[in-house]
Amino acid sequence: MPPACRFTPTCSEYAAQAFQEYGFFRAMQLSIWRILRCNPLSRGFDDPLPPNTKG
C-alpha cells in the first residue's frame, strides 16, 4: 500500500518541526497552509520547512 501522505516530510512531521523551529502563531500558519495543500489534486513533492531567518 502506498504511503498516505503526498509530501515529504509528512504533514505531522512538518507540523512538529514547525513548532520546534518557530513560535506558536507562525507554526500554526505553516501547518494549516500545508494541510490545505494536501488534497487529491496535489501531486505531492519534497516540501521542507522554510528556513527561519528570524532566529
N, C-alpha and C. Protein backbone atom coordinates (compact mmCIF):
# COMPACT_ATOMS: atom_id res chain seq x y z
N MET A 1 0.85 -1.17 0.00
CA MET A 1 0.00 0.00 0.00
C MET A 1 0.90 1.24 0.00
N PRO A 2 0.62 2.23 -0.86
CA PRO A 2 1.45 3.43 -0.90
C PRO A 2 1.26 4.27 0.36
N PRO A 3 2.25 5.11 0.68
CA PRO A 3 2.10 5.96 1.85
C PRO A 3 0.90 6.89 1.71
N ALA A 4 0.29 7.25 2.83
CA ALA A 4 -0.91 8.08 2.80
C ALA A 4 -0.59 9.54 2.52
N CYS A 5 0.53 10.03 2.98
CA CYS A 5 0.87 11.44 2.80
C CYS A 5 1.54 11.65 1.46
N ARG A 6 1.16 12.70 0.78
CA ARG A 6 1.71 13.01 -0.55
C ARG A 6 3.03 13.77 -0.47
N PHE A 7 3.34 14.31 0.69
CA PHE A 7 4.51 15.16 0.84
C PHE A 7 5.60 14.49 1.66
N THR A 8 6.82 15.00 1.49
CA THR A 8 7.95 14.61 2.31
C THR A 8 8.53 15.89 2.90
N PRO A 9 8.64 16.03 4.20
CA PRO A 9 8.19 15.14 5.26
C PRO A 9 6.67 15.10 5.34
N THR A 10 6.14 14.12 6.07
CA THR A 10 4.69 14.01 6.22
C THR A 10 4.16 15.27 6.89
N CYS A 11 2.87 15.48 6.78
CA CYS A 11 2.26 16.69 7.36
C CYS A 11 2.47 16.76 8.87
N SER A 12 2.38 15.63 9.56
CA SER A 12 2.58 15.65 11.01
C SER A 12 4.04 15.94 11.36
N GLU A 13 4.99 15.40 10.59
CA GLU A 13 6.40 15.70 10.83
C GLU A 13 6.69 17.17 10.55
N TYR A 14 6.09 17.69 9.49
CA TYR A 14 6.25 19.09 9.11
C TYR A 14 5.76 20.00 10.24
N ALA A 15 4.57 19.70 10.78
CA ALA A 15 4.00 20.50 11.86
C ALA A 15 4.88 20.42 13.11
N ALA A 16 5.35 19.24 13.46
CA ALA A 16 6.21 19.09 14.64
C ALA A 16 7.49 19.91 14.47
N GLN A 17 8.08 19.88 13.29
CA GLN A 17 9.29 20.66 13.03
C GLN A 17 8.99 22.16 13.12
N ALA A 18 7.83 22.57 12.60
CA ALA A 18 7.45 23.98 12.63
C ALA A 18 7.33 24.48 14.07
N PHE A 19 6.74 23.68 14.94
CA PHE A 19 6.59 24.09 16.34
C PHE A 19 7.93 24.11 17.07
N GLN A 20 8.88 23.31 16.65
CA GLN A 20 10.21 23.35 17.26
C GLN A 20 11.01 24.56 16.77
N GLU A 21 10.79 24.94 15.52
CA GLU A 21 11.60 25.98 14.89
C GLU A 21 11.02 27.39 15.04
N TYR A 22 9.70 27.52 15.02
CA TYR A 22 9.03 28.82 15.02
C TYR A 22 8.18 28.99 16.27
N GLY A 23 7.66 30.18 16.46
CA GLY A 23 6.71 30.43 17.53
C GLY A 23 5.36 29.82 17.19
N PHE A 24 4.45 29.86 18.16
CA PHE A 24 3.15 29.21 18.03
C PHE A 24 2.37 29.68 16.80
N PHE A 25 2.23 30.99 16.61
CA PHE A 25 1.38 31.50 15.54
C PHE A 25 1.96 31.21 14.15
N ARG A 26 3.25 31.38 13.97
CA ARG A 26 3.88 31.08 12.67
C ARG A 26 3.81 29.57 12.39
N ALA A 27 4.03 28.76 13.41
CA ALA A 27 3.95 27.31 13.23
C ALA A 27 2.54 26.89 12.85
N MET A 28 1.53 27.49 13.48
CA MET A 28 0.14 27.19 13.12
C MET A 28 -0.14 27.59 11.67
N GLN A 29 0.33 28.76 11.28
CA GLN A 29 0.13 29.25 9.91
C GLN A 29 0.76 28.28 8.90
N LEU A 30 2.00 27.89 9.13
CA LEU A 30 2.68 26.96 8.23
C LEU A 30 1.97 25.60 8.19
N SER A 31 1.55 25.11 9.34
CA SER A 31 0.89 23.80 9.42
C SER A 31 -0.44 23.81 8.69
N ILE A 32 -1.23 24.84 8.90
CA ILE A 32 -2.54 24.94 8.24
C ILE A 32 -2.36 25.06 6.73
N TRP A 33 -1.41 25.88 6.29
CA TRP A 33 -1.16 26.03 4.85
C TRP A 33 -0.75 24.69 4.23
N ARG A 34 0.05 23.93 4.95
CA ARG A 34 0.48 22.63 4.45
C ARG A 34 -0.70 21.67 4.32
N ILE A 35 -1.57 21.64 5.33
CA ILE A 35 -2.73 20.75 5.31
C ILE A 35 -3.68 21.14 4.18
N LEU A 36 -3.85 22.44 3.94
CA LEU A 36 -4.72 22.89 2.85
C LEU A 36 -4.18 22.48 1.48
N ARG A 37 -2.86 22.38 1.35
CA ARG A 37 -2.27 21.96 0.07
C ARG A 37 -2.34 20.45 -0.14
N CYS A 38 -2.64 19.70 0.89
CA CYS A 38 -2.71 18.24 0.79
C CYS A 38 -4.13 17.86 0.38
N ASN A 39 -4.31 17.62 -0.90
CA ASN A 39 -5.63 17.26 -1.43
C ASN A 39 -5.45 16.36 -2.65
N PRO A 40 -6.52 15.77 -3.14
CA PRO A 40 -6.41 14.84 -4.27
C PRO A 40 -5.86 15.48 -5.55
N LEU A 41 -5.95 16.79 -5.69
CA LEU A 41 -5.45 17.45 -6.89
C LEU A 41 -3.94 17.71 -6.83
N SER A 42 -3.36 17.58 -5.66
CA SER A 42 -1.94 17.82 -5.48
C SER A 42 -1.15 16.55 -5.77
N ARG A 43 -0.05 16.69 -6.51
CA ARG A 43 0.82 15.55 -6.78
C ARG A 43 1.63 15.19 -5.55
N GLY A 44 1.92 16.19 -4.74
CA GLY A 44 2.82 15.97 -3.62
C GLY A 44 4.26 16.08 -4.08
N PHE A 45 5.14 16.42 -3.20
CA PHE A 45 6.55 16.58 -3.54
C PHE A 45 7.35 16.78 -2.26
N ASP A 46 8.65 16.91 -2.42
CA ASP A 46 9.52 17.19 -1.28
C ASP A 46 9.28 18.65 -0.89
N ASP A 47 8.81 18.88 0.33
CA ASP A 47 8.42 20.21 0.77
C ASP A 47 8.95 20.46 2.18
N PRO A 48 10.26 20.78 2.30
CA PRO A 48 10.81 21.00 3.63
C PRO A 48 10.32 22.31 4.23
N LEU A 49 10.49 22.45 5.51
CA LEU A 49 10.14 23.67 6.23
C LEU A 49 11.02 24.81 5.73
N PRO A 50 10.46 26.01 5.52
CA PRO A 50 11.31 27.13 5.10
C PRO A 50 12.29 27.51 6.21
N PRO A 51 13.45 28.03 5.85
CA PRO A 51 14.42 28.40 6.88
C PRO A 51 13.89 29.54 7.75
N ASN A 52 14.21 29.48 9.03
CA ASN A 52 13.80 30.51 9.98
C ASN A 52 14.88 31.59 9.97
N THR A 53 14.60 32.70 9.31
CA THR A 53 15.59 33.77 9.18
C THR A 53 15.58 34.72 10.37
N LYS A 54 14.59 34.58 11.25
CA LYS A 54 14.49 35.47 12.41
C LYS A 54 15.15 34.89 13.65
N GLY A 55 15.64 33.65 13.54
CA GLY A 55 16.37 33.01 14.62
C GLY A 55 15.57 32.77 15.80
